């Protein structure tokens, strides 16, 4: 179960690193609010949404094929394909493609926007349902799945609070194009490494 936890932790970290709309919004809100806690509604909402999607992927989508061996393998292969594709896209991504908001929003508006970029974002849905769900499908016990899901969800909570703090301390300079390009490259490498780990699990699958 410890191995499943670390697998989920590393995979989710690779998926969450690119500075897209969700991360950019949280970073900017941390930078633009004078009080650190003023951006808390956006952070908590985004983390809760990610936790919900992870649970849906691990215990819903992949849980539906829990007892069907060949389907579990097939779903795992889909996860590998998505990881390889998303790694390639992340490597080539132009950080300027994701502009962040420049105004301070009320808590209600923060919550609404955080929910929309978390639950209605095609990339977020692909991350969780295809990649995380596909990776979780290779684990044969509920304990392993729970450990895997915990690792994935923990990353969202820690990363979003880190982004808010980074934005608050460093201001808008923390969201510079150069930094985001480096982060995207690291994320792509981690996605490819996660694909390799998933392939290894599939090859030794019984």
N, C-alpha and C. Protein backbone atom coordinates (compact mmCIF):
# COMPACT_ATOMS: atom_id res chain seq x y z
N UNK A 1 0.82 -1.21 0.00
CA UNK A 1 0.00 0.00 0.00
C UNK A 1 0.86 1.27 0.00
N UNK A 2 2.04 1.17 0.61
CA UNK A 2 2.94 2.32 0.62
C UNK A 2 3.38 2.65 -0.81
N UNK A 3 3.65 1.59 -1.60
CA UNK A 3 4.02 1.80 -3.00
C UNK A 3 2.92 2.47 -3.78
N UNK A 4 1.66 2.09 -3.54
CA UNK A 4 0.52 2.70 -4.22
C UNK A 4 0.39 4.17 -3.84
N UNK A 5 0.64 4.48 -2.56
CA UNK A 5 0.57 5.87 -2.10
C UNK A 5 1.59 6.74 -2.83
N UNK A 6 2.84 6.26 -2.90
CA UNK A 6 3.88 7.03 -3.57
C UNK A 6 3.64 7.12 -5.07
N UNK A 7 3.08 6.07 -5.65
CA UNK A 7 2.70 6.11 -7.07
C UNK A 7 1.69 7.23 -7.30
N UNK A 8 0.65 7.28 -6.46
CA UNK A 8 -0.35 8.33 -6.59
C UNK A 8 0.23 9.72 -6.36
N UNK A 9 1.14 9.82 -5.39
CA UNK A 9 1.76 11.11 -5.06
C UNK A 9 2.57 11.64 -6.25
N UNK A 10 3.41 10.79 -6.82
CA UNK A 10 4.27 11.22 -7.93
C UNK A 10 3.45 11.52 -9.18
N UNK A 11 2.48 10.65 -9.47
CA UNK A 11 1.64 10.85 -10.65
C UNK A 11 0.87 12.16 -10.56
N UNK A 12 0.21 12.39 -9.42
CA UNK A 12 -0.59 13.61 -9.25
C UNK A 12 0.28 14.86 -9.29
N UNK A 13 1.49 14.76 -8.74
CA UNK A 13 2.40 15.91 -8.76
C UNK A 13 2.78 16.28 -10.19
N UNK A 14 3.01 15.27 -11.01
CA UNK A 14 3.34 15.52 -12.42
C UNK A 14 2.17 16.16 -13.16
N UNK A 15 0.96 15.71 -12.84
CA UNK A 15 -0.22 16.23 -13.53
C UNK A 15 -0.58 17.64 -13.10
N UNK A 16 -0.27 17.99 -11.86
CA UNK A 16 -0.74 19.26 -11.32
C UNK A 16 0.24 20.39 -11.54
N UNK A 17 1.49 20.06 -11.89
CA UNK A 17 2.53 21.08 -12.00
C UNK A 17 2.29 22.17 -13.05
N UNK A 18 1.85 21.85 -14.27
CA UNK A 18 1.74 22.90 -15.30
C UNK A 18 0.87 24.07 -14.84
N UNK A 19 1.35 25.30 -15.11
CA UNK A 19 0.61 26.48 -14.69
C UNK A 19 -0.46 26.79 -15.73
N UNK A 20 -1.62 26.16 -15.56
CA UNK A 20 -2.75 26.40 -16.43
C UNK A 20 -3.73 27.37 -15.79
N UNK A 21 -4.98 27.33 -16.22
CA UNK A 21 -5.99 28.26 -15.73
C UNK A 21 -6.21 28.13 -14.22
N UNK A 22 -6.32 26.88 -13.72
CA UNK A 22 -6.58 26.66 -12.30
C UNK A 22 -5.42 27.14 -11.44
N UNK A 23 -4.22 26.67 -11.76
CA UNK A 23 -3.05 27.07 -10.98
C UNK A 23 -2.77 28.56 -11.11
N UNK A 24 -2.93 29.09 -12.32
CA UNK A 24 -2.69 30.51 -12.53
C UNK A 24 -3.64 31.38 -11.73
N UNK A 25 -4.89 30.96 -11.65
CA UNK A 25 -5.87 31.72 -10.86
C UNK A 25 -5.51 31.73 -9.39
N UNK A 26 -5.14 30.57 -8.84
CA UNK A 26 -4.78 30.49 -7.43
C UNK A 26 -3.52 31.29 -7.13
N UNK A 27 -2.56 31.23 -8.04
CA UNK A 27 -1.32 31.98 -7.86
C UNK A 27 -1.59 33.48 -7.86
N UNK A 28 -2.41 33.93 -8.78
CA UNK A 28 -2.70 35.36 -8.88
C UNK A 28 -3.52 35.85 -7.69
N UNK A 29 -4.46 35.03 -7.22
CA UNK A 29 -5.25 35.43 -6.06
C UNK A 29 -4.37 35.58 -4.82
N UNK A 30 -3.40 34.69 -4.67
CA UNK A 30 -2.46 34.83 -3.56
C UNK A 30 -1.64 36.09 -3.67
N UNK A 31 -1.30 36.47 -4.89
CA UNK A 31 -0.47 37.66 -5.10
C UNK A 31 -1.26 38.96 -4.92
N UNK A 32 -2.52 38.95 -5.30
CA UNK A 32 -3.28 40.19 -5.36
C UNK A 32 -3.99 40.54 -4.05
N UNK A 33 -4.24 39.56 -3.19
CA UNK A 33 -4.88 39.84 -1.91
C UNK A 33 -3.84 40.30 -0.89
N UNK A 34 -4.18 41.32 -0.17
CA UNK A 34 -3.26 41.80 0.85
C UNK A 34 -3.14 40.82 2.01
N UNK A 35 -4.26 40.19 2.35
CA UNK A 35 -4.26 39.20 3.43
C UNK A 35 -4.12 37.81 2.83
N UNK A 36 -3.21 37.01 3.43
CA UNK A 36 -2.93 35.67 2.93
C UNK A 36 -4.19 34.81 2.89
N UNK A 37 -5.02 34.90 3.94
CA UNK A 37 -6.20 34.05 4.04
C UNK A 37 -7.34 34.50 3.13
N UNK A 38 -7.22 35.66 2.52
CA UNK A 38 -8.30 36.15 1.67
C UNK A 38 -8.51 35.27 0.44
N UNK A 39 -7.47 34.55 0.04
CA UNK A 39 -7.58 33.66 -1.12
C UNK A 39 -7.95 32.24 -0.72
N UNK A 40 -8.23 32.02 0.56
CA UNK A 40 -8.52 30.67 1.05
C UNK A 40 -9.76 30.04 0.41
N UNK A 41 -10.85 30.77 0.15
CA UNK A 41 -12.02 30.14 -0.48
C UNK A 41 -11.69 29.47 -1.81
N UNK A 42 -10.87 30.11 -2.62
CA UNK A 42 -10.51 29.54 -3.91
C UNK A 42 -9.67 28.28 -3.74
N UNK A 43 -8.74 28.31 -2.80
CA UNK A 43 -7.83 27.19 -2.58
C UNK A 43 -8.59 25.96 -2.06
N UNK A 44 -9.41 26.16 -1.04
CA UNK A 44 -10.15 25.04 -0.45
C UNK A 44 -11.14 24.46 -1.46
N UNK A 45 -11.81 25.31 -2.22
CA UNK A 45 -12.76 24.83 -3.22
C UNK A 45 -12.06 23.99 -4.29
N UNK A 46 -10.93 24.48 -4.79
CA UNK A 46 -10.20 23.74 -5.82
C UNK A 46 -9.71 22.40 -5.29
N UNK A 47 -9.23 22.38 -4.04
CA UNK A 47 -8.73 21.14 -3.45
C UNK A 47 -9.86 20.14 -3.24
N UNK A 48 -11.02 20.61 -2.77
CA UNK A 48 -12.17 19.73 -2.58
C UNK A 48 -12.65 19.16 -3.91
N UNK A 49 -12.67 19.98 -4.94
CA UNK A 49 -13.09 19.50 -6.27
C UNK A 49 -12.13 18.43 -6.79
N UNK A 50 -10.84 18.66 -6.61
CA UNK A 50 -9.86 17.67 -7.05
C UNK A 50 -10.01 16.37 -6.27
N UNK A 51 -10.26 16.47 -4.97
CA UNK A 51 -10.45 15.27 -4.15
C UNK A 51 -11.66 14.48 -4.62
N UNK A 52 -12.74 15.19 -4.96
CA UNK A 52 -13.94 14.54 -5.48
C UNK A 52 -13.66 13.81 -6.79
N UNK A 53 -12.94 14.47 -7.69
CA UNK A 53 -12.62 13.86 -8.98
C UNK A 53 -11.72 12.65 -8.82
N UNK A 54 -10.77 12.73 -7.90
CA UNK A 54 -9.88 11.59 -7.64
C UNK A 54 -10.69 10.40 -7.12
N UNK A 55 -11.58 10.67 -6.16
CA UNK A 55 -12.41 9.60 -5.61
C UNK A 55 -13.30 8.98 -6.69
N UNK A 56 -13.85 9.83 -7.55
CA UNK A 56 -14.70 9.34 -8.64
C UNK A 56 -13.90 8.46 -9.59
N UNK A 57 -12.66 8.87 -9.88
CA UNK A 57 -11.83 8.10 -10.81
C UNK A 57 -11.39 6.77 -10.22
N UNK A 58 -10.96 6.81 -8.94
CA UNK A 58 -10.39 5.61 -8.32
C UNK A 58 -11.46 4.61 -7.90
N UNK A 59 -12.54 5.10 -7.28
CA UNK A 59 -13.57 4.20 -6.75
C UNK A 59 -14.80 4.11 -7.62
N UNK A 60 -14.89 4.99 -8.62
CA UNK A 60 -16.05 4.96 -9.51
C UNK A 60 -15.71 4.35 -10.85
N UNK A 61 -14.98 5.12 -11.66
CA UNK A 61 -14.65 4.67 -13.01
C UNK A 61 -13.84 3.39 -12.99
N UNK A 62 -12.70 3.41 -12.27
CA UNK A 62 -11.87 2.21 -12.23
C UNK A 62 -12.46 1.15 -11.32
N UNK A 63 -13.24 1.59 -10.32
CA UNK A 63 -13.87 0.62 -9.43
C UNK A 63 -14.92 -0.23 -10.14
N UNK A 64 -15.49 0.32 -11.21
CA UNK A 64 -16.51 -0.42 -11.96
C UNK A 64 -15.92 -1.63 -12.67
N UNK A 65 -14.61 -1.57 -12.93
CA UNK A 65 -13.97 -2.70 -13.63
C UNK A 65 -13.04 -3.47 -12.69
N UNK A 66 -13.29 -3.32 -11.39
CA UNK A 66 -12.41 -3.91 -10.36
C UNK A 66 -12.21 -5.40 -10.55
N UNK A 67 -13.26 -6.14 -10.93
CA UNK A 67 -13.18 -7.60 -11.02
C UNK A 67 -13.01 -8.09 -12.47
N UNK A 68 -12.84 -7.19 -13.41
CA UNK A 68 -12.67 -7.58 -14.81
C UNK A 68 -11.22 -7.36 -15.20
N UNK A 69 -10.44 -8.44 -15.19
CA UNK A 69 -8.99 -8.34 -15.35
C UNK A 69 -8.59 -7.68 -16.66
N UNK A 70 -9.14 -8.17 -17.78
CA UNK A 70 -8.73 -7.64 -19.07
C UNK A 70 -9.10 -6.17 -19.22
N UNK A 71 -10.22 -5.76 -18.60
CA UNK A 71 -10.64 -4.37 -18.69
C UNK A 71 -9.74 -3.48 -17.84
N UNK A 72 -9.28 -4.03 -16.71
CA UNK A 72 -8.34 -3.29 -15.87
C UNK A 72 -7.05 -3.04 -16.62
N UNK A 73 -6.57 -4.05 -17.35
CA UNK A 73 -5.35 -3.90 -18.14
C UNK A 73 -5.56 -2.88 -19.25
N UNK A 74 -6.72 -2.97 -19.92
CA UNK A 74 -7.02 -2.04 -21.00
C UNK A 74 -7.08 -0.61 -20.50
N UNK A 75 -7.71 -0.40 -19.34
CA UNK A 75 -7.80 0.94 -18.77
C UNK A 75 -6.42 1.45 -18.39
N UNK A 76 -5.58 0.54 -17.89
CA UNK A 76 -4.20 0.92 -17.58
C UNK A 76 -3.44 1.36 -18.81
N UNK A 77 -3.67 0.68 -19.93
CA UNK A 77 -3.01 1.04 -21.19
C UNK A 77 -3.49 2.41 -21.69
N UNK A 78 -4.78 2.70 -21.47
CA UNK A 78 -5.30 4.02 -21.82
C UNK A 78 -4.59 5.09 -20.99
N UNK A 79 -4.39 4.80 -19.70
CA UNK A 79 -3.67 5.72 -18.84
C UNK A 79 -2.26 5.98 -19.34
N UNK A 80 -1.57 4.95 -19.80
CA UNK A 80 -0.22 5.09 -20.35
C UNK A 80 -0.24 6.00 -21.58
N UNK A 81 -1.20 5.75 -22.47
CA UNK A 81 -1.30 6.54 -23.70
C UNK A 81 -1.54 8.01 -23.39
N UNK A 82 -2.45 8.28 -22.44
CA UNK A 82 -2.73 9.66 -22.08
C UNK A 82 -1.51 10.33 -21.44
N UNK A 83 -0.78 9.61 -20.59
CA UNK A 83 0.41 10.17 -19.95
C UNK A 83 1.46 10.55 -20.99
N UNK A 84 1.68 9.67 -21.95
CA UNK A 84 2.66 9.96 -23.00
C UNK A 84 2.23 11.17 -23.83
N UNK A 85 0.94 11.21 -24.18
CA UNK A 85 0.42 12.33 -24.98
C UNK A 85 0.47 13.64 -24.20
N UNK A 86 0.02 13.61 -22.95
CA UNK A 86 -0.02 14.84 -22.15
C UNK A 86 1.38 15.33 -21.82
N UNK A 87 2.33 14.41 -21.64
CA UNK A 87 3.71 14.81 -21.42
C UNK A 87 4.25 15.57 -22.63
N UNK A 88 3.93 15.07 -23.82
CA UNK A 88 4.36 15.72 -25.05
C UNK A 88 3.74 17.10 -25.18
N UNK A 89 2.45 17.21 -24.91
CA UNK A 89 1.76 18.49 -25.01
C UNK A 89 2.27 19.49 -23.97
N UNK A 90 2.53 19.01 -22.76
CA UNK A 90 3.03 19.88 -21.69
C UNK A 90 4.42 20.40 -22.02
N UNK A 91 5.26 19.54 -22.60
CA UNK A 91 6.61 19.94 -22.97
C UNK A 91 6.59 21.08 -24.00
N UNK A 92 5.63 21.01 -24.93
CA UNK A 92 5.55 21.98 -26.00
C UNK A 92 4.71 23.21 -25.63
N UNK A 93 4.03 23.18 -24.50
CA UNK A 93 3.08 24.23 -24.15
C UNK A 93 3.76 25.58 -23.96
N UNK A 94 3.15 26.60 -24.51
CA UNK A 94 3.62 27.98 -24.33
C UNK A 94 2.99 28.55 -23.08
N UNK A 95 3.79 28.94 -22.07
CA UNK A 95 3.22 29.47 -20.83
C UNK A 95 2.33 30.68 -21.05
N UNK A 96 2.53 31.43 -22.14
CA UNK A 96 1.70 32.60 -22.41
C UNK A 96 0.27 32.23 -22.78
N UNK A 97 0.03 30.93 -23.03
CA UNK A 97 -1.31 30.49 -23.44
C UNK A 97 -2.31 30.60 -22.29
N UNK A 98 -1.82 30.69 -21.06
CA UNK A 98 -2.71 30.69 -19.90
C UNK A 98 -2.54 32.00 -19.14
N UNK A 99 -3.34 32.97 -19.46
CA UNK A 99 -3.29 34.23 -18.74
C UNK A 99 -4.07 34.12 -17.45
N UNK A 100 -3.63 34.84 -16.43
CA UNK A 100 -4.31 34.80 -15.14
C UNK A 100 -5.03 36.11 -14.90
N UNK A 101 -6.04 36.06 -14.08
CA UNK A 101 -6.83 37.24 -13.77
C UNK A 101 -6.03 38.27 -13.00
N UNK A 102 -6.34 39.54 -13.16
CA UNK A 102 -5.58 40.60 -12.49
C UNK A 102 -6.42 41.35 -11.48
N UNK A 103 -7.57 40.85 -11.09
CA UNK A 103 -8.41 41.53 -10.13
C UNK A 103 -8.69 40.64 -8.93
N UNK A 104 -8.94 41.31 -7.81
CA UNK A 104 -9.26 40.60 -6.57
C UNK A 104 -10.75 40.28 -6.57
N UNK A 105 -11.08 39.03 -6.32
CA UNK A 105 -12.46 38.59 -6.35
C UNK A 105 -12.98 38.35 -4.94
N UNK A 106 -14.31 38.45 -4.81
CA UNK A 106 -14.96 38.16 -3.54
C UNK A 106 -14.92 36.66 -3.28
N UNK A 107 -15.12 36.24 -2.00
CA UNK A 107 -15.10 34.80 -1.71
C UNK A 107 -16.10 34.00 -2.55
N UNK A 108 -17.31 34.53 -2.74
CA UNK A 108 -18.31 33.82 -3.53
C UNK A 108 -17.86 33.65 -4.98
N UNK A 109 -17.29 34.69 -5.53
CA UNK A 109 -16.83 34.61 -6.92
C UNK A 109 -15.61 33.69 -7.04
N UNK A 110 -14.76 33.72 -6.04
CA UNK A 110 -13.62 32.80 -6.01
C UNK A 110 -14.09 31.34 -6.06
N UNK A 111 -15.08 31.04 -5.22
CA UNK A 111 -15.60 29.67 -5.15
C UNK A 111 -16.20 29.25 -6.48
N UNK A 112 -17.00 30.12 -7.07
CA UNK A 112 -17.63 29.79 -8.35
C UNK A 112 -16.62 29.55 -9.45
N UNK A 113 -15.61 30.42 -9.52
CA UNK A 113 -14.61 30.27 -10.58
C UNK A 113 -13.75 29.03 -10.34
N UNK A 114 -13.38 28.79 -9.08
CA UNK A 114 -12.56 27.61 -8.75
C UNK A 114 -13.30 26.32 -9.10
N UNK A 115 -14.61 26.29 -8.85
CA UNK A 115 -15.40 25.11 -9.21
C UNK A 115 -15.45 24.92 -10.72
N UNK A 116 -15.59 26.02 -11.45
CA UNK A 116 -15.71 25.91 -12.90
C UNK A 116 -14.42 25.41 -13.54
N UNK A 117 -13.26 25.93 -13.09
CA UNK A 117 -12.00 25.50 -13.70
C UNK A 117 -11.57 24.12 -13.21
N UNK A 118 -12.20 23.64 -12.13
CA UNK A 118 -11.85 22.32 -11.60
C UNK A 118 -12.76 21.23 -12.15
N UNK A 119 -14.06 21.50 -12.22
CA UNK A 119 -15.02 20.47 -12.60
C UNK A 119 -15.43 20.53 -14.07
N UNK A 120 -15.27 21.69 -14.71
CA UNK A 120 -15.69 21.84 -16.10
C UNK A 120 -14.50 21.96 -17.05
N UNK A 121 -13.31 21.70 -16.52
CA UNK A 121 -12.09 21.79 -17.31
C UNK A 121 -11.81 20.45 -17.98
N UNK A 122 -11.84 20.37 -19.31
CA UNK A 122 -11.60 19.08 -19.99
C UNK A 122 -10.27 18.45 -19.61
N UNK A 123 -9.25 19.28 -19.42
CA UNK A 123 -7.94 18.74 -19.05
C UNK A 123 -7.97 18.10 -17.67
N UNK A 124 -8.69 18.74 -16.73
CA UNK A 124 -8.79 18.18 -15.38
C UNK A 124 -9.56 16.86 -15.40
N UNK A 125 -10.62 16.81 -16.19
CA UNK A 125 -11.39 15.57 -16.30
C UNK A 125 -10.57 14.47 -16.95
N UNK A 126 -9.77 14.82 -17.95
CA UNK A 126 -8.92 13.83 -18.61
C UNK A 126 -7.84 13.34 -17.64
N UNK A 127 -7.28 14.27 -16.86
CA UNK A 127 -6.27 13.89 -15.86
C UNK A 127 -6.81 12.84 -14.91
N UNK A 128 -7.98 13.10 -14.34
CA UNK A 128 -8.51 12.24 -13.29
C UNK A 128 -9.14 10.97 -13.84
N UNK A 129 -10.10 11.11 -14.74
CA UNK A 129 -10.85 9.95 -15.20
C UNK A 129 -10.01 9.01 -16.06
N UNK A 130 -9.16 9.57 -16.92
CA UNK A 130 -8.38 8.72 -17.82
C UNK A 130 -7.06 8.29 -17.19
N UNK A 131 -6.25 9.26 -16.76
CA UNK A 131 -4.91 8.95 -16.27
C UNK A 131 -4.93 8.35 -14.87
N UNK A 132 -5.55 9.06 -13.92
CA UNK A 132 -5.58 8.57 -12.54
C UNK A 132 -6.47 7.33 -12.45
N UNK A 133 -7.62 7.35 -13.12
CA UNK A 133 -8.49 6.18 -13.11
C UNK A 133 -7.83 4.98 -13.76
N UNK A 134 -7.12 5.23 -14.87
CA UNK A 134 -6.42 4.14 -15.54
C UNK A 134 -5.29 3.58 -14.70
N UNK A 135 -4.57 4.44 -14.01
CA UNK A 135 -3.47 3.98 -13.16
C UNK A 135 -3.98 3.21 -11.96
N UNK A 136 -5.10 3.66 -11.39
CA UNK A 136 -5.65 2.99 -10.21
C UNK A 136 -6.20 1.61 -10.55
N UNK A 137 -6.56 1.41 -11.82
CA UNK A 137 -7.17 0.14 -12.22
C UNK A 137 -6.24 -1.05 -12.06
N UNK A 138 -4.93 -0.80 -12.00
CA UNK A 138 -4.00 -1.92 -11.91
C UNK A 138 -3.88 -2.45 -10.47
N UNK A 139 -4.43 -1.74 -9.51
CA UNK A 139 -4.35 -2.19 -8.11
C UNK A 139 -5.54 -3.07 -7.77
N UNK A 140 -5.24 -4.22 -7.16
CA UNK A 140 -6.26 -5.24 -6.98
C UNK A 140 -6.98 -5.26 -5.65
N UNK A 141 -6.62 -4.38 -4.71
CA UNK A 141 -7.32 -4.36 -3.42
C UNK A 141 -7.83 -2.95 -3.13
N UNK A 142 -8.86 -2.87 -2.32
CA UNK A 142 -9.41 -1.56 -1.96
C UNK A 142 -8.42 -0.76 -1.12
N UNK A 143 -7.60 -1.45 -0.32
CA UNK A 143 -6.59 -0.76 0.47
C UNK A 143 -5.56 -0.07 -0.40
N UNK A 144 -5.12 -0.76 -1.45
CA UNK A 144 -4.17 -0.16 -2.38
C UNK A 144 -4.78 1.03 -3.10
N UNK A 145 -6.04 0.87 -3.48
CA UNK A 145 -6.73 1.97 -4.17
C UNK A 145 -6.88 3.18 -3.25
N UNK A 146 -7.22 2.94 -1.98
CA UNK A 146 -7.36 4.03 -1.03
C UNK A 146 -6.03 4.75 -0.82
N UNK A 147 -4.95 3.99 -0.74
CA UNK A 147 -3.62 4.59 -0.58
C UNK A 147 -3.25 5.42 -1.81
N UNK A 148 -3.54 4.87 -2.98
CA UNK A 148 -3.27 5.58 -4.23
C UNK A 148 -4.06 6.89 -4.28
N UNK A 149 -5.35 6.83 -3.93
CA UNK A 149 -6.20 8.02 -3.95
C UNK A 149 -5.72 9.05 -2.93
N UNK A 150 -5.30 8.59 -1.75
CA UNK A 150 -4.81 9.50 -0.72
C UNK A 150 -3.58 10.26 -1.20
N UNK A 151 -2.68 9.54 -1.87
CA UNK A 151 -1.49 10.20 -2.41
C UNK A 151 -1.85 11.26 -3.43
N UNK A 152 -2.80 10.95 -4.31
CA UNK A 152 -3.23 11.91 -5.33
C UNK A 152 -3.89 13.14 -4.70
N UNK A 153 -4.79 12.91 -3.77
CA UNK A 153 -5.53 14.02 -3.16
C UNK A 153 -4.61 14.92 -2.32
N UNK A 154 -3.66 14.31 -1.62
CA UNK A 154 -2.74 15.08 -0.79
C UNK A 154 -1.97 16.10 -1.61
N UNK A 155 -1.59 15.72 -2.81
CA UNK A 155 -0.84 16.62 -3.68
C UNK A 155 -1.64 17.89 -3.97
N UNK A 156 -2.93 17.74 -4.26
CA UNK A 156 -3.76 18.90 -4.57
C UNK A 156 -3.80 19.88 -3.40
N UNK A 157 -4.04 19.37 -2.21
CA UNK A 157 -4.13 20.24 -1.04
C UNK A 157 -2.82 20.97 -0.77
N UNK A 158 -1.72 20.24 -0.79
CA UNK A 158 -0.41 20.85 -0.51
C UNK A 158 -0.02 21.84 -1.61
N UNK A 159 -0.22 21.44 -2.86
CA UNK A 159 0.19 22.28 -3.99
C UNK A 159 -0.60 23.58 -4.05
N UNK A 160 -1.91 23.50 -3.84
CA UNK A 160 -2.73 24.71 -3.93
C UNK A 160 -2.40 25.69 -2.81
N UNK A 161 -2.16 25.19 -1.60
CA UNK A 161 -1.76 26.08 -0.51
C UNK A 161 -0.37 26.67 -0.79
N UNK A 162 0.49 25.86 -1.40
CA UNK A 162 1.82 26.36 -1.76
C UNK A 162 1.71 27.48 -2.79
N UNK A 163 0.85 27.29 -3.80
CA UNK A 163 0.68 28.33 -4.82
C UNK A 163 0.16 29.63 -4.22
N UNK A 164 -0.81 29.53 -3.33
CA UNK A 164 -1.35 30.72 -2.70
C UNK A 164 -0.27 31.45 -1.90
N UNK A 165 0.53 30.68 -1.16
CA UNK A 165 1.59 31.27 -0.36
C UNK A 165 2.68 31.87 -1.24
N UNK A 166 3.06 31.16 -2.29
CA UNK A 166 4.07 31.66 -3.22
C UNK A 166 3.62 32.96 -3.86
N UNK A 167 2.37 33.00 -4.29
CA UNK A 167 1.85 34.22 -4.90
C UNK A 167 1.83 35.37 -3.92
N UNK A 168 1.45 35.08 -2.67
CA UNK A 168 1.38 36.12 -1.65
C UNK A 168 2.75 36.69 -1.32
N UNK A 169 3.74 35.83 -1.23
CA UNK A 169 5.09 36.26 -0.85
C UNK A 169 5.84 36.90 -2.00
N UNK A 170 5.78 36.27 -3.16
CA UNK A 170 6.60 36.72 -4.29
C UNK A 170 5.87 37.65 -5.24
N UNK A 171 4.56 37.75 -5.17
CA UNK A 171 3.81 38.63 -6.05
C UNK A 171 3.74 38.08 -7.46
N UNK A 172 3.41 38.91 -8.40
CA UNK A 172 3.22 38.47 -9.78
C UNK A 172 4.50 37.95 -10.42
N UNK A 173 5.65 38.35 -9.93
CA UNK A 173 6.90 37.88 -10.52
C UNK A 173 7.04 36.37 -10.44
N UNK A 174 6.35 35.75 -9.45
CA UNK A 174 6.43 34.29 -9.29
C UNK A 174 5.77 33.57 -10.45
N UNK A 175 4.91 34.28 -11.20
CA UNK A 175 4.20 33.64 -12.32
C UNK A 175 4.86 33.96 -13.65
N UNK A 176 6.16 34.30 -13.61
CA UNK A 176 6.88 34.65 -14.83
C UNK A 176 6.90 33.51 -15.83
N UNK A 177 7.01 33.89 -17.11
CA UNK A 177 6.99 32.90 -18.18
C UNK A 177 8.14 31.91 -18.06
N UNK A 178 9.34 32.40 -17.72
CA UNK A 178 10.49 31.52 -17.60
C UNK A 178 10.30 30.44 -16.56
N UNK A 179 9.77 30.81 -15.40
CA UNK A 179 9.54 29.85 -14.34
C UNK A 179 8.50 28.81 -14.75
N UNK A 180 7.44 29.28 -15.41
CA UNK A 180 6.39 28.36 -15.83
C UNK A 180 6.89 27.39 -16.90
N UNK A 181 7.79 27.85 -17.75
CA UNK A 181 8.33 26.96 -18.78
C UNK A 181 9.15 25.83 -18.14
N UNK A 182 9.97 26.18 -17.15
CA UNK A 182 10.76 25.17 -16.45
C UNK A 182 9.86 24.17 -15.74
N UNK A 183 8.81 24.68 -15.07
CA UNK A 183 7.88 23.82 -14.37
C UNK A 183 7.19 22.86 -15.33
N UNK A 184 6.80 23.36 -16.50
CA UNK A 184 6.14 22.51 -17.50
C UNK A 184 7.06 21.40 -17.99
N UNK A 185 8.35 21.71 -18.19
CA UNK A 185 9.29 20.70 -18.65
C UNK A 185 9.48 19.62 -17.59
N UNK A 186 9.60 20.02 -16.34
CA UNK A 186 9.74 19.04 -15.25
C UNK A 186 8.49 18.17 -15.17
N UNK A 187 7.32 18.80 -15.32
CA UNK A 187 6.07 18.06 -15.28
C UNK A 187 6.01 17.01 -16.39
N UNK A 188 6.44 17.39 -17.59
CA UNK A 188 6.42 16.45 -18.72
C UNK A 188 7.31 15.24 -18.45
N UNK A 189 8.49 15.48 -17.91
CA UNK A 189 9.41 14.38 -17.59
C UNK A 189 8.80 13.45 -16.55
N UNK A 190 8.11 14.02 -15.56
CA UNK A 190 7.50 13.20 -14.52
C UNK A 190 6.32 12.40 -15.08
N UNK A 191 5.59 12.97 -16.03
CA UNK A 191 4.50 12.24 -16.67
C UNK A 191 5.04 11.03 -17.42
N UNK A 192 6.14 11.22 -18.15
CA UNK A 192 6.74 10.11 -18.89
C UNK A 192 7.28 9.04 -17.94
N UNK A 193 7.85 9.49 -16.81
CA UNK A 193 8.33 8.53 -15.81
C UNK A 193 7.18 7.73 -15.22
N UNK A 194 6.05 8.41 -14.97
CA UNK A 194 4.87 7.73 -14.44
C UNK A 194 4.32 6.73 -15.46
N UNK A 195 4.39 7.08 -16.75
CA UNK A 195 3.97 6.15 -17.79
C UNK A 195 4.85 4.91 -17.78
N UNK A 196 6.16 5.10 -17.58
CA UNK A 196 7.08 3.97 -17.49
C UNK A 196 6.77 3.07 -16.31
N UNK A 197 6.45 3.68 -15.16
CA UNK A 197 6.09 2.90 -13.98
C UNK A 197 4.82 2.11 -14.22
N UNK A 198 3.84 2.73 -14.87
CA UNK A 198 2.58 2.07 -15.16
C UNK A 198 2.79 0.91 -16.13
N UNK A 199 3.67 1.09 -17.11
CA UNK A 199 3.98 0.01 -18.04
C UNK A 199 4.61 -1.17 -17.29
N UNK A 200 5.51 -0.87 -16.35
CA UNK A 200 6.14 -1.92 -15.56
C UNK A 200 5.10 -2.71 -14.76
N UNK A 201 4.14 -1.98 -14.16
CA UNK A 201 3.09 -2.64 -13.38
C UNK A 201 2.25 -3.53 -14.28
N UNK A 202 1.94 -3.04 -15.49
CA UNK A 202 1.12 -3.82 -16.43
C UNK A 202 1.86 -5.08 -16.89
N UNK A 203 3.17 -4.98 -17.11
CA UNK A 203 3.95 -6.13 -17.58
C UNK A 203 4.07 -7.21 -16.51
N UNK A 204 4.00 -6.80 -15.23
CA UNK A 204 4.10 -7.77 -14.14
C UNK A 204 2.73 -8.08 -13.54
N UNK A 205 1.69 -7.66 -14.24
CA UNK A 205 0.32 -7.80 -13.72
C UNK A 205 -0.14 -9.26 -13.78
N UNK A 206 -0.79 -9.68 -12.71
CA UNK A 206 -1.36 -11.03 -12.65
C UNK A 206 -2.82 -10.95 -12.25
